[in-house]
């Protein structure tokens, strides 16, 4: 078990270095929480709580800074669903999302399910870099 943990930590250190980031203890710990379980969406507050539960002593400001550093390095993607609430996605490929408002939950729309047509021409000197679609969900009234 210890050897597997050391291998995982070495892989994360390499991933951070390859992204141009120094593999500090806190970055490694947060990267382990973020990337150990496959693709996921997480807010800074939720990751901070996970870190505290795992015994990792990091401030909320450190979590925010690390998430933004990971995003700038191309390791995460921001999913903006509400004005003040940002979710971070470990799947950095182009894809769209559902947002379940009542539970503040973001999840991927299966690929190939959304077709975007008739986009406007971008202004001169610009190009469309990405189109993000967030479909908001709520329970139907009974």
Protein backbone atom coordinates (compact mmCIF):
# COMPACT_ATOMS: atom_id res chain seq x y z
CA UNK A 1 0.00 0.00 0.00
CA UNK A 2 2.80 2.41 0.91
CA UNK A 3 4.56 1.72 -2.42
CA UNK A 4 1.33 2.47 -4.32
CA UNK A 5 0.94 5.77 -2.46
CA UNK A 6 4.55 6.70 -3.21
CA UNK A 7 4.03 5.87 -6.90
CA UNK A 8 0.85 7.97 -6.97
CA UNK A 9 2.66 10.87 -5.32
CA UNK A 10 5.56 10.59 -7.82
CA UNK A 11 3.08 10.63 -10.73
CA UNK A 12 1.41 13.75 -9.31
CA UNK A 13 4.78 15.43 -8.81
CA UNK A 14 5.63 14.71 -12.46
CA UNK A 15 2.24 15.99 -13.58
CA UNK A 16 2.74 19.23 -11.67
CA UNK A 17 6.28 19.70 -13.00
CA UNK A 18 5.11 19.00 -16.56
CA UNK A 19 2.47 21.71 -16.09
CA UNK A 20 5.16 24.14 -14.98
CA UNK A 21 4.26 24.06 -11.29
CA UNK A 22 6.51 23.32 -8.33
CA UNK A 23 5.20 20.21 -6.54
CA UNK A 24 4.74 21.59 -3.03
CA UNK A 25 3.24 19.47 -0.27
CA UNK A 26 -0.04 21.37 -0.44
CA UNK A 27 -0.32 21.18 -4.24
CA UNK A 28 0.36 17.44 -4.16
CA UNK A 29 -2.25 16.90 -1.44
CA UNK A 30 -4.89 18.92 -3.32
CA UNK A 31 -4.00 17.27 -6.64
CA UNK A 32 -4.44 13.86 -5.03
CA UNK A 33 -7.93 14.81 -3.83
CA UNK A 34 -8.83 16.30 -7.22
CA UNK A 35 -7.50 13.68 -9.60
CA UNK A 36 -7.60 10.39 -7.68
CA UNK A 37 -11.23 9.57 -8.52
CA UNK A 38 -11.36 10.44 -12.23
CA UNK A 39 -13.33 13.28 -13.76
CA UNK A 40 -15.20 15.46 -11.30
CA UNK A 41 -16.53 18.95 -10.66
CA UNK A 42 -15.69 20.69 -7.41
CA UNK A 43 -15.98 24.12 -5.82
CA UNK A 44 -13.16 25.60 -3.76
CA UNK A 45 -15.28 25.35 -0.64
CA UNK A 46 -16.03 21.66 -1.21
CA UNK A 47 -12.37 20.86 -1.89
CA UNK A 48 -11.35 22.78 1.23
CA UNK A 49 -13.79 20.71 3.27
CA UNK A 50 -12.45 17.48 1.70
CA UNK A 51 -8.90 18.54 2.51
CA UNK A 52 -9.82 19.27 6.13
CA UNK A 53 -11.59 15.89 6.41
CA UNK A 54 -8.47 14.19 4.99
CA UNK A 55 -6.28 15.88 7.61
CA UNK A 56 -4.64 18.28 5.16
CA UNK A 57 -4.19 21.64 6.82
CA UNK A 58 -4.73 24.24 4.07
CA UNK A 59 -6.54 27.54 4.15
CA UNK A 60 -9.45 28.30 1.85
CA UNK A 61 -7.27 30.99 0.22
CA UNK A 62 -4.61 28.36 -0.56
CA UNK A 63 -7.27 26.12 -2.10
CA UNK A 64 -8.52 29.00 -4.29
CA UNK A 65 -4.97 29.94 -5.33
CA UNK A 66 -4.08 26.33 -6.13
CA UNK A 67 -7.25 25.76 -8.17
CA UNK A 68 -6.52 28.88 -10.21
CA UNK A 69 -2.87 27.84 -10.68
CA UNK A 70 -4.02 24.40 -11.86
CA UNK A 71 -6.47 26.10 -14.24
CA UNK A 72 -3.81 28.43 -15.67
CA UNK A 73 -1.53 25.39 -16.13
CA UNK A 74 -4.26 23.59 -18.13
CA UNK A 75 -4.98 20.93 -15.49
CA UNK A 76 -8.50 22.17 -14.71
CA UNK A 77 -11.29 23.96 -16.51
CA UNK A 78 -13.60 26.54 -14.96
CA UNK A 79 -17.34 25.97 -15.19
CA UNK A 80 -19.14 29.19 -14.30
CA UNK A 81 -22.73 28.39 -13.34
CA UNK A 82 -23.65 31.28 -11.07
CA UNK A 83 -22.21 34.74 -10.67
CA UNK A 84 -20.40 34.08 -7.41
CA UNK A 85 -19.97 30.29 -7.60
CA UNK A 86 -17.22 28.72 -9.66
CA UNK A 87 -16.82 25.00 -10.20
CA UNK A 88 -13.59 23.45 -11.41
CA UNK A 89 -13.67 20.51 -13.81
CA UNK A 90 -10.88 17.93 -14.01
CA UNK A 91 -12.03 17.08 -17.56
CA UNK A 92 -10.43 19.83 -19.64
CA UNK A 93 -11.81 18.64 -22.99
CA UNK A 94 -14.54 20.64 -24.75
CA UNK A 95 -17.87 19.46 -23.36
CA UNK A 96 -21.10 20.83 -21.88
CA UNK A 97 -22.75 20.61 -18.47
CA UNK A 98 -25.98 20.18 -16.58
CA UNK A 99 -26.38 22.25 -13.42
CA UNK A 100 -28.86 20.98 -10.85
CA UNK A 101 -29.79 24.25 -9.10
CA UNK A 102 -31.34 22.82 -5.94
CA UNK A 103 -28.25 20.78 -5.09
CA UNK A 104 -25.61 23.08 -6.60
CA UNK A 105 -24.41 20.05 -8.57
CA UNK A 106 -22.58 20.17 -11.91
CA UNK A 107 -22.24 17.12 -14.15
CA UNK A 108 -21.30 16.43 -17.74
CA UNK A 109 -23.76 16.17 -20.59
CA UNK A 110 -22.86 12.96 -22.47
CA UNK A 111 -20.76 13.74 -25.53
CA UNK A 112 -22.52 13.96 -28.85
CA UNK A 113 -25.80 15.08 -27.28
CA UNK A 114 -25.54 18.80 -28.03
CA UNK A 115 -25.26 20.39 -31.45
CA UNK A 116 -24.46 24.08 -31.71
CA UNK A 117 -25.52 25.72 -34.99
CA UNK A 118 -25.68 29.21 -36.48
CA UNK A 119 -23.12 30.87 -34.25
CA UNK A 120 -22.64 34.55 -35.03
CA UNK A 121 -19.52 35.68 -36.85
CA UNK A 122 -16.97 36.86 -34.30
CA UNK A 123 -15.75 40.46 -34.50
CA UNK A 124 -12.83 41.20 -36.82
CA UNK A 125 -9.50 39.99 -35.50
CA UNK A 126 -11.06 37.41 -33.18
CA UNK A 127 -12.05 33.77 -33.33
CA UNK A 128 -14.38 31.62 -31.27
CA UNK A 129 -12.23 29.69 -28.80
CA UNK A 130 -14.95 27.65 -27.15
CA UNK A 131 -18.69 27.44 -26.63
CA UNK A 132 -19.80 26.46 -23.13
CA UNK A 133 -23.38 25.36 -22.60
CA UNK A 134 -24.79 24.95 -19.11
CA UNK A 135 -28.28 23.48 -18.96
CA UNK A 136 -29.95 24.36 -15.66
CA UNK A 137 -32.16 21.74 -14.04
CA UNK A 138 -34.73 21.84 -11.27
CA UNK A 139 -37.37 19.44 -10.03
CA UNK A 140 -40.78 19.66 -11.65
CA UNK A 141 -43.55 20.98 -9.39
CA UNK A 142 -45.84 18.27 -8.15
